[in-house]
Amino acid sequence: MVAIVFSFVSMFQYLGLSTATVKWRDLNHQQVSTLFWLNMALSVAIMLVTVGSAPLVAWFYKEPRLIWITVGYAISILFTGLYIQHEAILSRQMRFAAIALIEIAAISIG
C-alpha cells in the first residue's frame, strides 16, 4: 500500500539533475556541489511531504499501522538523495562495474 505512494513521490526526486551531471560537456566541482545540494533540498522536501501525508495514507486504507511504515519509506527517500549525484558522477566516468557492485551490495544488505 505504501509502495504505491513511495513510487509516485520518488518520480520527482531526480528531476533531471543527475542527467545534467552525466551529459554536461564541462562540469566543475562547484556545479556538482550545487547539484548535490539541490538534490538534497528536493529530497528533504519530498520526505517532509511524504511524512505529512502518512496520516492521509492510513486514513485512505483504514489501516493506522501505515503511518510509521510511510515514515520509514520517507526516510529512505532522504538516503536516496545522498547518492543520486554520486551515482551520476560514476556514470559520467563510465564506471559501470562500480555502480553494479554498489547496487548488488545495497540489495544484499537491504
PDB file of N, CA and C in Angstrom:
ATOM      1  N   MET A   1       0.817  -1.194   0.000  1.00  0.00           N
ATOM      2  CA  MET A   1       0.000   0.000   0.000  1.00  0.00           C
ATOM      3  C   MET A   1       0.865   1.264   0.000  1.00  0.00           C
ATOM      4  N   VAL A   2       1.889   1.246   0.819  1.00  0.00           N
ATOM      5  CA  VAL A   2       2.771   2.415   0.913  1.00  0.00           C
ATOM      6  C   VAL A   2       3.701   2.487  -0.295  1.00  0.00           C
ATOM      7  N   ALA A   3       4.016   1.353  -0.874  1.00  0.00           N
ATOM      8  CA  ALA A   3       4.911   1.337  -2.033  1.00  0.00           C
ATOM      9  C   ALA A   3       4.337   2.136  -3.201  1.00  0.00           C
ATOM     10  N   ILE A   4       3.032   2.196  -3.320  1.00  0.00           N
ATOM     11  CA  ILE A   4       2.404   2.981  -4.384  1.00  0.00           C
ATOM     12  C   ILE A   4       2.700   4.458  -4.172  1.00  0.00           C
ATOM     13  N   VAL A   5       2.522   4.922  -2.952  1.00  0.00           N
ATOM     14  CA  VAL A   5       2.812   6.328  -2.632  1.00  0.00           C
ATOM     15  C   VAL A   5       4.299   6.605  -2.816  1.00  0.00           C
ATOM     16  N   PHE A   6       5.126   5.689  -2.327  1.00  0.00           N
ATOM     17  CA  PHE A   6       6.574   5.840  -2.423  1.00  0.00           C
ATOM     18  C   PHE A   6       7.021   5.914  -3.883  1.00  0.00           C
ATOM     19  N   SER A   7       6.500   5.062  -4.725  1.00  0.00           N
ATOM     20  CA  SER A   7       6.859   5.087  -6.146  1.00  0.00           C
ATOM     21  C   SER A   7       6.441   6.390  -6.803  1.00  0.00           C
ATOM     22  N   PHE A   8       5.286   6.904  -6.425  1.00  0.00           N
ATOM     23  CA  PHE A   8       4.816   8.149  -7.016  1.00  0.00           C
ATOM     24  C   PHE A   8       5.713   9.326  -6.629  1.00  0.00           C
ATOM     25  N   VAL A   9       6.014   9.480  -5.348  1.00  0.00           N
ATOM     26  CA  VAL A   9       6.830  10.629  -4.932  1.00  0.00           C
ATOM     27  C   VAL A   9       8.285  10.474  -5.346  1.00  0.00           C
ATOM     28  N   SER A  10       8.751   9.259  -5.535  1.00  0.00           N
ATOM     29  CA  SER A  10      10.136   9.038  -5.963  1.00  0.00           C
ATOM     30  C   SER A  10      10.373   9.530  -7.389  1.00  0.00           C
ATOM     31  N   MET A  11       9.322   9.602  -8.185  1.00  0.00           N
ATOM     32  CA  MET A  11       9.476  10.095  -9.557  1.00  0.00           C
ATOM     33  C   MET A  11       9.980  11.535  -9.579  1.00  0.00           C
ATOM     34  N   PHE A  12       9.651  12.301  -8.562  1.00  0.00           N
ATOM     35  CA  PHE A  12      10.007  13.714  -8.530  1.00  0.00           C
ATOM     36  C   PHE A  12      11.390  13.974  -7.940  1.00  0.00           C
ATOM     37  N   GLN A  13      12.034  12.940  -7.443  1.00  0.00           N
ATOM     38  CA  GLN A  13      13.292  13.132  -6.741  1.00  0.00           C
ATOM     39  C   GLN A  13      14.456  13.445  -7.670  1.00  0.00           C
ATOM     40  N   TYR A  14      14.461  12.905  -8.840  1.00  0.00           N
ATOM     41  CA  TYR A  14      15.596  13.104  -9.743  1.00  0.00           C
ATOM     42  C   TYR A  14      15.488  14.410 -10.522  1.00  0.00           C
ATOM     43  N   LEU A  15      14.345  14.703 -11.089  1.00  0.00           N
ATOM     44  CA  LEU A  15      14.074  15.911 -11.858  1.00  0.00           C
ATOM     45  C   LEU A  15      15.159  16.264 -12.866  1.00  0.00           C
ATOM     46  N   GLY A  16      15.841  15.270 -13.389  1.00  0.00           N
ATOM     47  CA  GLY A  16      16.824  15.502 -14.435  1.00  0.00           C
ATOM     48  C   GLY A  16      18.153  16.035 -13.967  1.00  0.00           C
ATOM     49  N   LEU A  17      18.339  16.203 -12.660  1.00  0.00           N
ATOM     50  CA  LEU A  17      19.601  16.762 -12.176  1.00  0.00           C
ATOM     51  C   LEU A  17      20.757  15.793 -12.371  1.00  0.00           C
ATOM     52  N   SER A  18      20.505  14.514 -12.201  1.00  0.00           N
ATOM     53  CA  SER A  18      21.575  13.540 -12.420  1.00  0.00           C
ATOM     54  C   SER A  18      21.893  13.429 -13.916  1.00  0.00           C
ATOM     55  N   THR A  19      20.883  13.581 -14.754  1.00  0.00           N
ATOM     56  CA  THR A  19      21.118  13.568 -16.195  1.00  0.00           C
ATOM     57  C   THR A  19      21.983  14.751 -16.609  1.00  0.00           C
ATOM     58  N   ALA A  20      21.755  15.883 -15.989  1.00  0.00           N
ATOM     59  CA  ALA A  20      22.593  17.057 -16.268  1.00  0.00           C
ATOM     60  C   ALA A  20      24.045  16.785 -15.892  1.00  0.00           C
ATOM     61  N   THR A  21      24.249  16.100 -14.784  1.00  0.00           N
ATOM     62  CA  THR A  21      25.611  15.767 -14.366  1.00  0.00           C
ATOM     63  C   THR A  21      26.287  14.871 -15.392  1.00  0.00           C
ATOM     64  N   VAL A  22      25.561  13.924 -15.918  1.00  0.00           N
ATOM     65  CA  VAL A  22      26.145  12.983 -16.868  1.00  0.00           C
ATOM     66  C   VAL A  22      26.397  13.647 -18.221  1.00  0.00           C
ATOM     67  N   LYS A  23      25.498  14.503 -18.670  1.00  0.00           N
ATOM     68  CA  LYS A  23      25.563  14.987 -20.048  1.00  0.00           C
ATOM     69  C   LYS A  23      26.242  16.336 -20.257  1.00  0.00           C
ATOM     70  N   TRP A  24      26.437  17.124 -19.210  1.00  0.00           N
ATOM     71  CA  TRP A  24      27.116  18.399 -19.414  1.00  0.00           C
ATOM     72  C   TRP A  24      28.515  18.170 -19.941  1.00  0.00           C
ATOM     73  N   ARG A  25      28.883  18.958 -20.906  1.00  0.00           N
ATOM     74  CA  ARG A  25      30.201  18.797 -21.519  1.00  0.00           C
ATOM     75  C   ARG A  25      31.319  19.133 -20.536  1.00  0.00           C
ATOM     76  N   ASP A  26      31.252  20.302 -19.950  1.00  0.00           N
ATOM     77  CA  ASP A  26      32.235  20.729 -18.958  1.00  0.00           C
ATOM     78  C   ASP A  26      31.537  20.851 -17.613  1.00  0.00           C
ATOM     79  N   LEU A  27      32.101  20.219 -16.630  1.00  0.00           N
ATOM     80  CA  LEU A  27      31.485  20.196 -15.307  1.00  0.00           C
ATOM     81  C   LEU A  27      32.571  20.423 -14.264  1.00  0.00           C
ATOM     82  N   ASN A  28      32.385  21.424 -13.416  1.00  0.00           N
ATOM     83  CA  ASN A  28      33.384  21.671 -12.386  1.00  0.00           C
ATOM     84  C   ASN A  28      32.832  21.285 -11.013  1.00  0.00           C
ATOM     85  N   HIS A  29      33.696  21.357 -10.023  1.00  0.00           N
ATOM     86  CA  HIS A  29      33.329  20.921  -8.675  1.00  0.00           C
ATOM     87  C   HIS A  29      32.179  21.751  -8.100  1.00  0.00           C
ATOM     88  N   GLN A  30      32.176  23.037  -8.363  1.00  0.00           N
ATOM     89  CA  GLN A  30      31.125  23.902  -7.837  1.00  0.00           C
ATOM     90  C   GLN A  30      29.758  23.515  -8.409  1.00  0.00           C
ATOM     91  N   GLN A  31      29.700  23.174  -9.675  1.00  0.00           N
ATOM     92  CA  GLN A  31      28.436  22.766 -10.281  1.00  0.00           C
ATOM     93  C   GLN A  31      27.945  21.444  -9.688  1.00  0.00           C
ATOM     94  N   VAL A  32      28.870  20.504  -9.509  1.00  0.00           N
ATOM     95  CA  VAL A  32      28.494  19.221  -8.916  1.00  0.00           C
ATOM     96  C   VAL A  32      27.996  19.430  -7.489  1.00  0.00           C
ATOM     97  N   SER A  33      28.670  20.276  -6.753  1.00  0.00           N
ATOM     98  CA  SER A  33      28.259  20.566  -5.382  1.00  0.00           C
ATOM     99  C   SER A  33      26.869  21.203  -5.350  1.00  0.00           C
ATOM    100  N   THR A  34      26.638  22.140  -6.240  1.00  0.00           N
ATOM    101  CA  THR A  34      25.326  22.784  -6.309  1.00  0.00           C
ATOM    102  C   THR A  34      24.231  21.784  -6.649  1.00  0.00           C
ATOM    103  N   LEU A  35      24.503  20.911  -7.617  1.00  0.00           N
ATOM    104  CA  LEU A  35      23.513  19.890  -7.979  1.00  0.00           C
ATOM    105  C   LEU A  35      23.251  18.940  -6.818  1.00  0.00           C
ATOM    106  N   PHE A  36      24.305  18.597  -6.074  1.00  0.00           N
ATOM    107  CA  PHE A  36      24.135  17.715  -4.907  1.00  0.00           C
ATOM    108  C   PHE A  36      23.209  18.369  -3.886  1.00  0.00           C
ATOM    109  N   TRP A  37      23.451  19.640  -3.571  1.00  0.00           N
ATOM    110  CA  TRP A  37      22.635  20.298  -2.556  1.00  0.00           C
ATOM    111  C   TRP A  37      21.218  20.565  -3.048  1.00  0.00           C
ATOM    112  N   LEU A  38      21.049  20.776  -4.329  1.00  0.00           N
ATOM    113  CA  LEU A  38      19.694  20.883  -4.875  1.00  0.00           C
ATOM    114  C   LEU A  38      18.948  19.562  -4.729  1.00  0.00           C
ATOM    115  N   ASN A  39      19.645  18.464  -5.019  1.00  0.00           N
ATOM    116  CA  ASN A  39      19.039  17.143  -4.847  1.00  0.00           C
ATOM    117  C   ASN A  39      18.692  16.887  -3.387  1.00  0.00           C
ATOM    118  N   MET A  40      19.577  17.294  -2.488  1.00  0.00           N
ATOM    119  CA  MET A  40      19.302  17.086  -1.066  1.00  0.00           C
ATOM    120  C   MET A  40      18.100  17.912  -0.619  1.00  0.00           C
ATOM    121  N   ALA A  41      18.027  19.172  -1.054  1.00  0.00           N
ATOM    122  CA  ALA A  41      16.888  20.014  -0.684  1.00  0.00           C
ATOM    123  C   ALA A  41      15.585  19.425  -1.229  1.00  0.00           C
ATOM    124  N   LEU A  42      15.633  18.947  -2.454  1.00  0.00           N
ATOM    125  CA  LEU A  42      14.462  18.322  -3.054  1.00  0.00           C
ATOM    126  C   LEU A  42      14.080  17.049  -2.307  1.00  0.00           C
ATOM    127  N   SER A  43      15.065  16.260  -1.926  1.00  0.00           N
ATOM    128  CA  SER A  43      14.803  15.020  -1.194  1.00  0.00           C
ATOM    129  C   SER A  43      14.200  15.303   0.180  1.00  0.00           C
ATOM    130  N   VAL A  44      14.707  16.320   0.857  1.00  0.00           N
ATOM    131  CA  VAL A  44      14.144  16.691   2.161  1.00  0.00           C
ATOM    132  C   VAL A  44      12.701  17.151   1.992  1.00  0.00           C
ATOM    133  N   ALA A  45      12.436  17.956   0.971  1.00  0.00           N
ATOM    134  CA  ALA A  45      11.069  18.423   0.733  1.00  0.00           C
ATOM    135  C   ALA A  45      10.131  17.254   0.443  1.00  0.00           C
ATOM    136  N   ILE A  46      10.567  16.330  -0.388  1.00  0.00           N
ATOM    137  CA  ILE A  46       9.738  15.158  -0.713  1.00  0.00           C
ATOM    138  C   ILE A  46       9.536  14.296   0.521  1.00  0.00           C
ATOM    139  N   MET A  47      10.598  14.162   1.333  1.00  0.00           N
ATOM    140  CA  MET A  47      10.479  13.381   2.565  1.00  0.00           C
ATOM    141  C   MET A  47       9.441  14.012   3.493  1.00  0.00           C
ATOM    142  N   LEU A  48       9.483  15.334   3.647  1.00  0.00           N
ATOM    143  CA  LEU A  48       8.539  16.007   4.532  1.00  0.00           C
ATOM    144  C   LEU A  48       7.101  15.893   4.017  1.00  0.00           C
ATOM    145  N   VAL A  49       6.921  15.986   2.715  1.00  0.00           N
ATOM    146  CA  VAL A  49       5.585  15.817   2.141  1.00  0.00           C
ATOM    147  C   VAL A  49       5.084  14.395   2.380  1.00  0.00           C
ATOM    148  N   THR A  50       5.975  13.428   2.224  1.00  0.00           N
ATOM    149  CA  THR A  50       5.587  12.029   2.445  1.00  0.00           C
ATOM    150  C   THR A  50       5.233  11.784   3.907  1.00  0.00           C
ATOM    151  N   VAL A  51       6.042  12.315   4.820  1.00  0.00           N
ATOM    152  CA  VAL A  51       5.735  12.170   6.248  1.00  0.00           C
ATOM    153  C   VAL A  51       4.410  12.863   6.564  1.00  0.00           C
ATOM    154  N   GLY A  52       4.207  14.046   5.991  1.00  0.00           N
ATOM    155  CA  GLY A  52       2.954  14.761   6.222  1.00  0.00           C
ATOM    156  C   GLY A  52       1.741  14.048   5.665  1.00  0.00           C
ATOM    157  N   SER A  53       1.930  13.271   4.610  1.00  0.00           N
ATOM    158  CA  SER A  53       0.807  12.543   4.019  1.00  0.00           C
ATOM    159  C   SER A  53       0.575  11.180   4.662  1.00  0.00           C
ATOM    160  N   ALA A  54       1.422  10.787   5.593  1.00  0.00           N
ATOM    161  CA  ALA A  54       1.278   9.470   6.237  1.00  0.00           C
ATOM    162  C   ALA A  54      -0.099   9.278   6.879  1.00  0.00           C
ATOM    163  N   PRO A  55      -0.613  10.248   7.633  1.00  0.00           N
ATOM    164  CA  PRO A  55      -1.967  10.052   8.190  1.00  0.00           C
ATOM    165  C   PRO A  55      -3.041   9.926   7.109  1.00  0.00           C
ATOM    166  N   LEU A  56      -2.854  10.619   6.009  1.00  0.00           N
ATOM    167  CA  LEU A  56      -3.806  10.531   4.903  1.00  0.00           C
ATOM    168  C   LEU A  56      -3.787   9.125   4.276  1.00  0.00           C
ATOM    169  N   VAL A  57      -2.592   8.569   4.117  1.00  0.00           N
ATOM    170  CA  VAL A  57      -2.467   7.211   3.582  1.00  0.00           C
ATOM    171  C   VAL A  57      -3.140   6.214   4.526  1.00  0.00           C
ATOM    172  N   ALA A  58      -2.888   6.369   5.832  1.00  0.00           N
ATOM    173  CA  ALA A  58      -3.503   5.474   6.818  1.00  0.00           C
ATOM    174  C   ALA A  58      -5.024   5.611   6.808  1.00  0.00           C
ATOM    175  N   TRP A  59      -5.504   6.829   6.666  1.00  0.00           N
ATOM    176  CA  TRP A  59      -6.952   7.048   6.614  1.00  0.00           C
ATOM    177  C   TRP A  59      -7.542   6.417   5.357  1.00  0.00           C
ATOM    178  N   PHE A  60      -6.879   6.609   4.207  1.00  0.00           N
ATOM    179  CA  PHE A  60      -7.396   6.097   2.942  1.00  0.00           C
ATOM    180  C   PHE A  60      -7.540   4.573   2.974  1.00  0.00           C
ATOM    181  N   TYR A  61      -6.526   3.900   3.506  1.00  0.00           N
ATOM    182  CA  TYR A  61      -6.565   2.436   3.555  1.00  0.00           C
ATOM    183  C   TYR A  61      -7.214   1.908   4.837  1.00  0.00           C
ATOM    184  N   LYS A  62      -7.587   2.804   5.740  1.00  0.00           N
ATOM    185  CA  LYS A  62      -8.201   2.423   7.021  1.00  0.00           C
ATOM    186  C   LYS A  62      -7.304   1.465   7.795  1.00  0.00           C
ATOM    187  N   GLU A  63      -6.010   1.792   7.806  1.00  0.00           N
ATOM    188  CA  GLU A  63      -5.016   0.964   8.496  1.00  0.00           C
ATOM    189  C   GLU A  63      -4.027   1.883   9.216  1.00  0.00           C
ATOM    190  N   PRO A  64      -4.187   2.088  10.526  1.00  0.00           N
ATOM    191  CA  PRO A  64      -3.343   3.029  11.257  1.00  0.00           C
ATOM    192  C   PRO A  64      -1.857   2.641  11.304  1.00  0.00           C
ATOM    193  N   ARG A  65      -1.541   1.377  11.115  1.00  0.00           N
ATOM    194  CA  ARG A  65      -0.129   0.959  11.139  1.00  0.00           C
ATOM    195  C   ARG A  65       0.658   1.509   9.954  1.00  0.00           C
ATOM    196  N   LEU A  66      -0.021   1.979   8.948  1.00  0.00           N
ATOM    197  CA  LEU A  66       0.661   2.510   7.768  1.00  0.00           C
ATOM    198  C   LEU A  66       1.370   3.830   8.024  1.00  0.00           C
ATOM    199  N   ILE A  67       1.007   4.513   9.101  1.00  0.00           N
ATOM    200  CA  ILE A  67       1.660   5.801   9.392  1.00  0.00           C
ATOM    201  C   ILE A  67       3.159   5.607   9.547  1.00  0.00           C
ATOM    202  N   TRP A  68       3.574   4.697  10.395  1.00  0.00           N
ATOM    203  CA  TRP A  68       5.009   4.511  10.651  1.00  0.00           C
ATOM    204  C   TRP A  68       5.717   3.828   9.493  1.00  0.00           C
ATOM    205  N   ILE A  69       4.999   3.015   8.754  1.00  0.00           N
ATOM    206  CA  ILE A  69       5.602   2.412   7.558  1.00  0.00           C
ATOM    207  C   ILE A  69       5.886   3.500   6.526  1.00  0.00           C
ATOM    208  N   THR A  70       4.954   4.422   6.365  1.00  0.00           N
ATOM    209  CA  THR A  70       5.156   5.538   5.437  1.00  0.00           C
ATOM    210  C   THR A  70       6.314   6.416   5.887  1.00  0.00           C
ATOM    211  N   VAL A  71       6.434   6.653   7.170  1.00  0.00           N
ATOM    212  CA  VAL A  71       7.554   7.439   7.702  1.00  0.00           C
ATOM    213  C   VAL A  71       8.878   6.728   7.411  1.00  0.00           C
ATOM    214  N   GLY A  72       8.906   5.414   7.556  1.00  0.00           N
ATOM    215  CA  GLY A  72      10.114   4.650   7.238  1.00  0.00           C
ATOM    216  C   GLY A  72      10.506   4.771   5.777  1.00  0.00           C
ATOM    217  N   TYR A  73       9.539   4.665   4.914  1.00  0.00           N
ATOM    218  CA  TYR A  73       9.804   4.851   3.482  1.00  0.00           C
ATOM    219  C   TYR A  73      10.290   6.270   3.202  1.00  0.00           C
ATOM    220  N   ALA A  74       9.724   7.253   3.895  1.00  0.00           N
ATOM    221  CA  ALA A  74      10.119   8.645   3.692  1.00  0.00           C
ATOM    222  C   ALA A  74      11.588   8.858   4.060  1.00  0.00           C
ATOM    223  N   ILE A  75      12.041   8.206   5.100  1.00  0.00           N
ATOM    224  CA  ILE A  75      13.450   8.325   5.490  1.00  0.00           C
ATOM    225  C   ILE A  75      14.342   7.739   4.406  1.00  0.00           C
ATOM    226  N   SER A  76      13.902   6.685   3.753  1.00  0.00           N
ATOM    227  CA  SER A  76      14.707   6.111   2.668  1.00  0.00           C
ATOM    228  C   SER A  76      14.827   7.076   1.490  1.00  0.00           C
ATOM    229  N   ILE A  77      13.848   7.959   1.318  1.00  0.00           N
ATOM    230  CA  ILE A  77      13.934   8.984   0.273  1.00  0.00           C
ATOM    231  C   ILE A  77      15.108   9.899   0.546  1.00  0.00           C
ATOM    232  N   LEU A  78      15.322  10.217   1.808  1.00  0.00           N
ATOM    233  CA  LEU A  78      16.458  11.062   2.179  1.00  0.00           C
ATOM    234  C   LEU A  78      17.780  10.382   1.828  1.00  0.00           C
ATOM    235  N   PHE A  79      17.888   9.098   2.099  1.00  0.00           N
ATOM    236  CA  PHE A  79      19.118   8.366   1.773  1.00  0.00           C
ATOM    237  C   PHE A  79      19.342   8.288   0.264  1.00  0.00           C
ATOM    238  N   THR A  80      18.263   8.178  -0.485  1.00  0.00           N
ATOM    239  CA  THR A  80      18.388   8.171  -1.944  1.00  0.00           C
ATOM    240  C   THR A  80      18.954   9.494  -2.434  1.00  0.00           C
ATOM    241  N   GLY A  81      18.539  10.576  -1.827  1.00  0.00           N
ATOM    242  CA  GLY A  81      19.054  11.887  -2.197  1.00  0.00           C
ATOM    243  C   GLY A  81      20.552  12.018  -1.983  1.00  0.00           C
ATOM    244  N   LEU A  82      21.072  11.265  -1.031  1.00  0.00           N
ATOM    245  CA  LEU A  82      22.508  11.315  -0.764  1.00  0.00           C
ATOM    246  C   LEU A  82      23.335  10.687  -1.880  1.00  0.00           C
ATOM    247  N   TYR A  83      22.780   9.737  -2.594  1.00  0.00           N
ATOM    248  CA  TYR A  83      23.605   9.020  -3.571  1.00  0.00           C
ATOM    249  C   TYR A  83      23.321   9.374  -5.033  1.00  0.00           C
ATOM    250  N   ILE A  84      22.286  10.136  -5.319  1.00  0.00           N
ATOM    251  CA  ILE A  84      21.921  10.416  -6.706  1.00  0.00           C
ATOM    252  C   ILE A  84      23.075  11.033  -7.486  1.00  0.00           C
ATOM    253  N   GLN A  85      23.662  12.088  -6.966  1.00  0.00           N
ATOM    254  CA  GLN A  85      24.745  12.761  -7.691  1.00  0.00           C
ATOM    255  C   GLN A  85      26.013  11.911  -7.740  1.00  0.00           C
ATOM    256  N   HIS A  86      26.274  11.153  -6.695  1.00  0.00           N
ATOM    257  CA  HIS A  86      27.455  10.291  -6.705  1.00  0.00           C
ATOM    258  C   HIS A  86      27.334   9.206  -7.777  1.00  0.00           C
ATOM    259  N   GLU A  87      26.143   8.654  -7.893  1.00  0.00           N
ATOM    260  CA  GLU A  87      25.907   7.665  -8.938  1.00  0.00           C
ATOM    261  C   GLU A  87      26.038   8.296 -10.329  1.00  0.00           C
ATOM    262  N   ALA A  88      25.565   9.531 -10.473  1.00  0.00           N
ATOM    263  CA  ALA A  88      25.671  10.229 -11.758  1.00  0.00           C
ATOM    264  C   ALA A  88      27.131  10.480 -12.122  1.00  0.00           C
ATOM    265  N   ILE A  89      27.950  10.811 -11.150  1.00  0.00           N
ATOM    266  CA  ILE A  89      29.381  11.017 -11.413  1.00  0.00           C
ATOM    267  C   ILE A  89      30.035   9.713 -11.852  1.00  0.00           C
ATOM    268  N   LEU A  90      29.672   8.612 -11.200  1.00  0.00           N
ATOM    269  CA  LEU A  90      30.210   7.316 -11.628  1.00  0.00           C
ATOM    270  C   LEU A  90      29.758   6.983 -13.047  1.00  0.00           C
ATOM    271  N   SER A  91      28.518   7.296 -13.382  1.00  0.00           N
ATOM    272  CA  SER A  91      28.032   7.066 -14.751  1.00  0.00           C
ATOM    273  C   SER A  91      28.779   7.937 -15.746  1.00  0.00           C
ATOM    274  N   ARG A  92      29.021   9.178 -15.372  1.00  0.00           N
ATOM    275  CA  ARG A  92      29.755  10.096 -16.241  1.00  0.00           C
ATOM    276  C   ARG A  92      31.156   9.561 -16.525  1.00  0.00           C
ATOM    277  N   GLN A  93      31.773   8.953 -15.521  1.00  0.00           N
ATOM    278  CA  GLN A  93      33.111   8.396 -15.667  1.00  0.00           C
ATOM    279  C   GLN A  93      33.092   6.988 -16.262  1.00  0.00           C
ATOM    280  N   MET A  94      31.886   6.521 -16.585  1.00  0.00           N
ATOM    281  CA  MET A  94      31.671   5.191 -17.179  1.00  0.00           C
ATOM    282  C   MET A  94      32.213   4.070 -16.287  1.00  0.00           C
ATOM    283  N   ARG A  95      32.005   4.213 -15.008  1.00  0.00           N
ATOM    284  CA  ARG A  95      32.443   3.204 -14.041  1.00  0.00           C
ATOM    285  C   ARG A  95      31.241   2.320 -13.681  1.00  0.00           C
ATOM    286  N   PHE A  96      30.768   1.589 -14.680  1.00  0.00           N
ATOM    287  CA  PHE A  96      29.549   0.814 -14.524  1.00  0.00           C
ATOM    288  C   PHE A  96      29.746  -0.404 -13.624  1.00  0.00           C
ATOM    289  N   ALA A  97      30.953  -0.945 -13.584  1.00  0.00           N
ATOM    290  CA  ALA A  97      31.222  -2.069 -12.682  1.00  0.00           C
ATOM    291  C   ALA A  97      31.085  -1.613 -11.228  1.00  0.00           C
ATOM    292  N   ALA A  98      31.568  -0.431 -10.923  1.00  0.00           N
ATOM    293  CA  ALA A  98      31.448   0.095  -9.559  1.00  0.00           C
ATOM    294  C   ALA A  98      29.980   0.311  -9.201  1.00  0.00           C
ATOM    295  N   ILE A  99      29.204   0.837 -10.147  1.00  0.00           N
ATOM    296  CA  ILE A  99      27.776   1.048  -9.903  1.00  0.00           C
ATOM    297  C   ILE A  99      27.087  -0.291  -9.641  1.00  0.00           C
ATOM    298  N   ALA A 100      27.415  -1.287 -10.434  1.00  0.00           N
ATOM    299  CA  ALA A 100      26.809  -2.611 -10.265  1.00  0.00           C
ATOM    300  C   ALA A 100      27.167  -3.211  -8.906  1.00  0.00           C
ATOM    301  N   LEU A 101      28.421  -3.091  -8.506  1.00  0.00           N
ATOM    302  CA  LEU A 101      28.830  -3.612  -7.190  1.00  0.00           C
ATOM    303  C   LEU A 101      28.110  -2.898  -6.052  1.00  0.00           C
ATOM    304  N   ILE A 102      27.971  -1.597  -6.162  1.00  0.00           N
ATOM    305  CA  ILE A 102      27.275  -0.830  -5.144  1.00  0.00           C
ATOM    306  C   ILE A 102      25.814  -1.255  -5.054  1.00  0.00           C
ATOM    307  N   GLU A 103      25.170  -1.417  -6.208  1.00  0.00           N
ATOM    308  CA  GLU A 103      23.759  -1.820  -6.193  1.00  0.00           C
ATOM    309  C   GLU A 103      23.577  -3.227  -5.660  1.00  0.00           C
ATOM    310  N   ILE A 104      24.464  -4.140  -6.027  1.00  0.00           N
ATOM    311  CA  ILE A 104      24.372  -5.507  -5.504  1.00  0.00           C
ATOM    312  C   ILE A 104      24.584  -5.518  -3.997  1.00  0.00           C
ATOM    313  N   ALA A 105      25.569  -4.754  -3.517  1.00  0.00           N
ATOM    314  CA  ALA A 105      25.819  -4.685  -2.067  1.00  0.00           C
ATOM    315  C   ALA A 105      24.612  -4.086  -1.344  1.00  0.00           C
ATOM    316  N   ALA A 106      24.027  -3.047  -1.926  1.00  0.00           N
ATOM    317  CA  ALA A 106      22.867  -2.406  -1.278  1.00  0.00           C
ATOM    318  C   ALA A 106      21.682  -3.358  -1.203  1.00  0.00           C
ATOM    319  N   ILE A 107      21.445  -4.098  -2.269  1.00  0.00           N
ATOM    320  CA  ILE A 107      20.340  -5.057  -2.266  1.00  0.00           C
ATOM    321  C   ILE A 107      20.611  -6.180  -1.262  1.00  0.00           C
ATOM    322  N   SER A 108      21.848  -6.642  -1.219  1.00  0.00           N
ATOM    323  CA  SER A 108      22.205  -7.717  -0.279  1.00  0.00           C
ATOM    324  C   SER A 108      22.050  -7.262   1.159  1.00  0.00           C
ATOM    325  N   ILE A 109      22.532  -6.080   1.455  1.00  0.00           N
ATOM    326  CA  ILE A 109      22.417  -5.554   2.828  1.00  0.00           C
ATOM    327  C   ILE A 109      20.969  -5.288   3.182  1.00  0.00           C
ATOM    328  N   GLY A 110      20.212  -4.765   2.219  1.00  0.00           N
ATOM    329  CA  GLY A 110      18.793  -4.486   2.456  1.00  0.00           C
ATOM    330  C   GLY A 110      17.998  -5.749   2.678  1.00  0.00           C
TER     331      GLY A 110
END
